[in-house]
Structures are given as structure tokens and as C-alpha cells.
Amino acid sequence: MSTRHESAAPPAKGGAAPGRSPGTPTEAELRHRARLSRRWRRDMRFSPYAFVSPFFLLFLAFGLFPLLYTAWASLHTVELTAPTDMEWAGLRNYTRIFDDDFFWNAAKNTLTIGIISTVPQLLMAMGLAHILNYKLRGSTFYRVVLLAPYATSIAAASLVFALLFGRDYGMINWVLHFVGIDAVDWQNDKWPSQLAVSSIVIWRWTGYNALIYLAAMQAIPQDLYESAALDGAGRWQQFFHVTLPSLRPTILFTCVVSTIGASQLFGEPLLFDANKGASGGGEHQFQTLGLYLYEQGWVNQHLGRASAIAWTMFLILIVIGIVNYVISRRLRASSGENRS
């Protein structure tokens, strides 16, 4: 019996190469994929920076540069008419500010107006938020009404209040006349003018703070109120022993923000002045630090002194921020001890 051996013949020299499988990419496709992969990695790495770069560019142009320029200008004698002609003065602008009676008058007015406007504003905001925290018909409408003064222009609100507090034809004096009180010169007397300016601030910001308090109240767990009700606590007791302790961080936040806003008060006293000047009344009776800065820089054209005032106000805000940080830490520590 014979055995048959069969073997494949070798490919002829110069014949066709073995065929490529359909799923195998070519070398050109591999290079293209590598380029796309590198581009994708670069995109993932640098795109976030590109998206946030407009903010940093605007901050550098309108935030950091003016801050550094005013710091440099505060150390020089420079006028607004020639901002490039600077003469080194050192700390002279700061010492002149602290020796200026008008600066201390503006600081006192800022403090008193801030207290008169902030305390009633936050108390009223807390009361309104407590009322709106209950289920009321048309609650959305009331919230919009509360926010409407905040959306109103400062110029429009100040001009309307200036008409209301007019000495001869103002509605406030007209009402006081019916209850037997003589007409008050709201724009020229010291305390009446400060009360009038504070009323503008109260009207504009009470609703805004009320909505902040309302949002914080709605975040309080209902279990706390149910436990207090089971212990026999009424609504007022629940408010003082449950709501207020839970709102301490929010109350601290609104106090700090209102204090910062009061220290920068500018539009309301400027437009309330009958002469529409930066003096804050004929005797500077309601001139704030913001108006004093504006008067020195844009009326008297002392850019160096105005820059020093701006940095002084900035340092005051830093002190307020540090006080806020210390108080918030103590509140967190005390709340942690109470929980333990």
C-alpha cells in the first residue's frame, strides 16, 4: 500500500502579498487616531482654563489693575486732571485723612446710618420671612412683591423718597401735619436726614433679606418643630428655640453683608441731597465715606487722597471679614459642643 504525500507549493517569487484582514487599521489610520487622541487630551487639559479665562482677563483689567493703581496713587500727590504726573508723598495722604474732621464726620455718619438702616431692616425681614414660612394663599405673589424694591433702580427710589420727604410739599410732612406735628426739614436737619436716607435702604433691602431668611427657614427639618410641639412648645417658643438657633449662620451672613453695604453707601445719599452734590447736605450731615471719597476724587480732583480713602475703606472691610470669621468659628464651636 503506497502513501501519498501532498504539500503546498511555495508562492512564486514576485507574486501577490498575503491579504490583510478587513478589521486591521492601516498605518495612516493609526497616525490619524494618535493625532486625535493627543488633541483630545490637550482639549481636556486646557479647555477648562480657556472657559474661565474671560473672567480672569476682565478681573485683571477692571479689578486687579485698579486696585494696584489706587494703592500706588495713594502714596503720591496726583490730581485727576493729570493722572500721570505723580509726586511721591509716602503716607502723607493717609495722615491727612485721619487729621481731617470731614473724614471722621463721614465715618460717624456711615456708622449711624448703617445702624439705623441695618437693625430695623433685618428685624423686619425676619418677621416677614416667619409669616411667609406658613402656608399662605398667593405666597409666590408676596415673594415677588418683596423682591420688587430690590429690582428697582437706586436713582428712581431715591428721587421718589426725596419727594416724599420734601419739606414743603412732601407726603410725610403732610401726614405729620394731620397728627399735629410740625413740618420736619428732612434734607437739612441731621437726624431727620439720616433717618430719611436709612428709610431708602430699608425699603430696598428688607425684602431681599426676607427671602434669604425664608430659604433658610424652609431648610430646617420639620422633625425639630414636631419634637418641640410634642414637648408643649407654642409657635413663639418654637421660633425662639428652634428657628433662631438654626438661622444663626444665615443671620451672621446677612449682618456682615448689610454692614459691608452700609459702609459703601453712595447712591442713596447722593441723590437724596437737594443740591445733588457730594457734600451730603449743606453741613455734611449725611455725608458717608463713599460720598467723601467721591468728593475728594471727582469734585476736588485730589486723586491721591481719594485713593487713600478707598484703601482705608478696603481695610475696614477686611476687618469686618476677620470679625465675621472669628464669630462664625465660635458659633460652629459652640454648636458642636451643644450637639456633643
Foldseek 3Di string as FASTA:
>chain_A
DDDDDDDDDDDDPPDDDDDDDPPDDDPVVVVVVVVVVVVVVVCVVCVVVVVCVVVVVCCVVPNVVVLVLLVVLLQWFAFLVGRVDTHGRGNPLVVVLVVDPLNVLQAVLLVVLLVLQQVVLLVLLLVVLVVLLDDDPPSVVVLVVLQVLQVDDLLVLLLLLLQLLDQPRHVVQVVVVVVPDHGDHQQADQVSVSNSLSVSSSSRCSSVLSVLLNVQQVPFDCVLVVVCVVVPDDPVRCCVPPSVLSCVVVVLVSSLVSSLCSLQDDSNQQSSHPVSALCSHPPSSNRHLNSVLCCVCPVVRRSNSSSSSVVVSVVVNVVSVVVSVVVVVVSVVVVVVVVD
